[in-house]
Amino acid sequence: MNPLRETASLQVTGVAVEGDPGHEQITHLQWEAASSVGIASAQALIGWLAEDPANEAWLADGDRRVAVEVVRPVGAPPYLRSRIGGQWGDHLLGLPRL
């Protein structure tokens, strides 16, 4: 059973980064939802976000919710990055490391 399939909204609370500390090197994300917690690979979370437009990932920045979205660069694999107010941010890289 895949716990990601049991929720439509999750909060990202930590990341694992391999190599240089960039968004493209995020390999896993720790998450919390209303009824479960877990760790998912970045690729699994990208797939989960793509499979249903109602699925949302976010992180807390003080009292704000910051969206976690998929960046799809031409000629490179997709990766995750925060986005707020239409601007890409570095919020994911500021989360605790796994």
C-alpha atoms as a PDB file:
ATOM      1  CA  MET A   1       0.000   0.000   0.000  1.00  0.00           C
ATOM      2  CA  ASN A   2       1.314   3.436  -0.949  1.00  0.00           C
ATOM      3  CA  PRO A   3       0.463   6.029   1.737  1.00  0.00           C
ATOM      4  CA  LEU A   4       0.820   8.834  -0.817  1.00  0.00           C
ATOM      5  CA  ARG A   5      -2.271   7.478  -2.538  1.00  0.00           C
ATOM      6  CA  GLU A   6      -4.304   7.961   0.651  1.00  0.00           C
ATOM      7  CA  THR A   7      -3.976  11.748   0.755  1.00  0.00           C
ATOM      8  CA  ALA A   8      -4.335  14.738  -1.558  1.00  0.00           C
ATOM      9  CA  SER A   9      -2.341  17.195   0.560  1.00  0.00           C
ATOM     10  CA  LEU A  10       0.930  16.743   2.387  1.00  0.00           C
ATOM     11  CA  GLN A  11       3.448  18.906   4.187  1.00  0.00           C
ATOM     12  CA  VAL A  12       7.123  18.390   3.368  1.00  0.00           C
ATOM     13  CA  THR A  13       9.155  18.542   6.588  1.00  0.00           C
ATOM     14  CA  GLY A  14      12.650  17.381   5.611  1.00  0.00           C
ATOM     15  CA  VAL A  15      14.864  16.521   2.656  1.00  0.00           C
ATOM     16  CA  ALA A  16      17.786  14.277   1.794  1.00  0.00           C
ATOM     17  CA  VAL A  17      20.306  15.804  -0.601  1.00  0.00           C
ATOM     18  CA  GLU A  18      23.032  13.863  -2.373  1.00  0.00           C
ATOM     19  CA  GLY A  19      26.101  15.750  -3.567  1.00  0.00           C
ATOM     20  CA  ASP A  20      25.976  19.485  -4.157  1.00  0.00           C
ATOM     21  CA  PRO A  21      23.196  21.187  -2.167  1.00  0.00           C
ATOM     22  CA  GLY A  22      20.896  22.030  -5.080  1.00  0.00           C
ATOM     23  CA  HIS A  23      17.272  21.278  -5.825  1.00  0.00           C
ATOM     24  CA  GLU A  24      18.251  18.787  -8.518  1.00  0.00           C
ATOM     25  CA  GLN A  25      20.101  16.736  -5.862  1.00  0.00           C
ATOM     26  CA  ILE A  26      17.117  16.285  -3.531  1.00  0.00           C
ATOM     27  CA  THR A  27      16.672  12.509  -3.429  1.00  0.00           C
ATOM     28  CA  HIS A  28      14.026  11.998  -0.712  1.00  0.00           C
ATOM     29  CA  LEU A  29      11.483  14.062   1.181  1.00  0.00           C
ATOM     30  CA  GLN A  30       9.948  13.501   4.584  1.00  0.00           C
ATOM     31  CA  TRP A  31       6.251  14.330   4.684  1.00  0.00           C
ATOM     32  CA  GLU A  32       3.255  14.499   6.985  1.00  0.00           C
ATOM     33  CA  ALA A  33      -0.420  14.232   6.088  1.00  0.00           C
ATOM     34  CA  ALA A  34      -3.589  14.184   8.154  1.00  0.00           C
ATOM     35  CA  SER A  35      -3.413  10.449   8.847  1.00  0.00           C
ATOM     36  CA  SER A  36       0.150   9.372   8.047  1.00  0.00           C
ATOM     37  CA  VAL A  37       3.810  10.282   7.804  1.00  0.00           C
ATOM     38  CA  GLY A  38       6.554   8.940   5.602  1.00  0.00           C
ATOM     39  CA  ILE A  39       9.564   9.395   3.401  1.00  0.00           C
ATOM     40  CA  ALA A  40       9.251   9.296  -0.378  1.00  0.00           C
ATOM     41  CA  SER A  41      11.774   9.550  -3.158  1.00  0.00           C
ATOM     42  CA  ALA A  42      11.732  12.807  -5.067  1.00  0.00           C
ATOM     43  CA  GLN A  43      10.677  10.872  -8.180  1.00  0.00           C
ATOM     44  CA  ALA A  44       7.747   9.255  -6.320  1.00  0.00           C
ATOM     45  CA  LEU A  45       6.547  12.662  -5.130  1.00  0.00           C
ATOM     46  CA  ILE A  46       6.912  14.103  -8.642  1.00  0.00           C
ATOM     47  CA  GLY A  47       4.788  11.235  -9.967  1.00  0.00           C
ATOM     48  CA  TRP A  48       2.196  11.696  -7.214  1.00  0.00           C
ATOM     49  CA  LEU A  49       1.880  15.409  -7.990  1.00  0.00           C
ATOM     50  CA  ALA A  50       1.508  14.664 -11.718  1.00  0.00           C
ATOM     51  CA  GLU A  51      -1.132  11.953 -11.362  1.00  0.00           C
ATOM     52  CA  ASP A  52      -3.893  14.220 -10.028  1.00  0.00           C
ATOM     53  CA  PRO A  53      -4.147  18.030 -10.192  1.00  0.00           C
ATOM     54  CA  ALA A  54      -5.833  17.954  -6.765  1.00  0.00           C
ATOM     55  CA  ASN A  55      -2.646  16.589  -5.152  1.00  0.00           C
ATOM     56  CA  GLU A  56      -0.623  19.272  -3.407  1.00  0.00           C
ATOM     57  CA  ALA A  57       2.647  19.344  -1.530  1.00  0.00           C
ATOM     58  CA  TRP A  58       3.638  22.302   0.600  1.00  0.00           C
ATOM     59  CA  LEU A  59       5.932  23.383   3.400  1.00  0.00           C
ATOM     60  CA  ALA A  60       5.503  25.780   6.267  1.00  0.00           C
ATOM     61  CA  ASP A  61       7.404  29.066   6.296  1.00  0.00           C
ATOM     62  CA  GLY A  62       6.326  30.709   9.516  1.00  0.00           C
ATOM     63  CA  ASP A  63       2.576  31.084   9.168  1.00  0.00           C
ATOM     64  CA  ARG A  64       2.644  30.793   5.347  1.00  0.00           C
ATOM     65  CA  ARG A  65       2.086  27.717   3.200  1.00  0.00           C
ATOM     66  CA  VAL A  66       4.637  27.513   0.412  1.00  0.00           C
ATOM     67  CA  ALA A  67       3.823  25.291  -2.564  1.00  0.00           C
ATOM     68  CA  VAL A  68       6.219  22.536  -3.608  1.00  0.00           C
ATOM     69  CA  GLU A  69       6.013  22.156  -7.373  1.00  0.00           C
ATOM     70  CA  VAL A  70       7.700  20.264 -10.181  1.00  0.00           C
ATOM     71  CA  VAL A  71      10.261  22.032 -12.363  1.00  0.00           C
ATOM     72  CA  ARG A  72      10.524  20.436 -15.805  1.00  0.00           C
ATOM     73  CA  PRO A  73      13.646  21.785 -17.516  1.00  0.00           C
ATOM     74  CA  VAL A  74      14.138  20.985 -21.197  1.00  0.00           C
ATOM     75  CA  GLY A  75      16.654  18.181 -21.638  1.00  0.00           C
ATOM     76  CA  ALA A  76      16.988  17.394 -17.926  1.00  0.00           C
ATOM     77  CA  PRO A  77      15.065  15.326 -15.368  1.00  0.00           C
ATOM     78  CA  PRO A  78      12.258  17.028 -13.423  1.00  0.00           C
ATOM     79  CA  TYR A  79      12.909  18.103  -9.844  1.00  0.00           C
ATOM     80  CA  LEU A  80      11.059  19.720  -6.939  1.00  0.00           C
ATOM     81  CA  ARG A  81      11.276  23.336  -5.833  1.00  0.00           C
ATOM     82  CA  SER A  82       9.227  25.717  -3.704  1.00  0.00           C
ATOM     83  CA  ARG A  83       7.130  28.410  -5.353  1.00  0.00           C
ATOM     84  CA  ILE A  84       5.417  31.354  -3.708  1.00  0.00           C
ATOM     85  CA  GLY A  85       3.856  34.405  -5.300  1.00  0.00           C
ATOM     86  CA  GLY A  86       4.782  33.099  -8.753  1.00  0.00           C
ATOM     87  CA  GLN A  87       8.490  33.015  -7.857  1.00  0.00           C
ATOM     88  CA  TRP A  88      10.728  29.971  -7.394  1.00  0.00           C
ATOM     89  CA  GLY A  89      12.329  29.812  -3.950  1.00  0.00           C
ATOM     90  CA  ASP A  90      14.904  27.906  -1.931  1.00  0.00           C
ATOM     91  CA  HIS A  91      12.608  26.913   0.952  1.00  0.00           C
ATOM     92  CA  LEU A  92      13.140  23.166   0.397  1.00  0.00           C
ATOM     93  CA  LEU A  93      16.890  23.542   0.840  1.00  0.00           C
ATOM     94  CA  GLY A  94      16.282  25.218   4.196  1.00  0.00           C
ATOM     95  CA  LEU A  95      14.416  22.222   5.639  1.00  0.00           C
ATOM     96  CA  PRO A  96      16.081  19.806   8.077  1.00  0.00           C
ATOM     97  CA  ARG A  97      18.227  17.112   6.443  1.00  0.00           C
ATOM     98  CA  LEU A  98      17.302  13.455   6.717  1.00  0.00           C
END
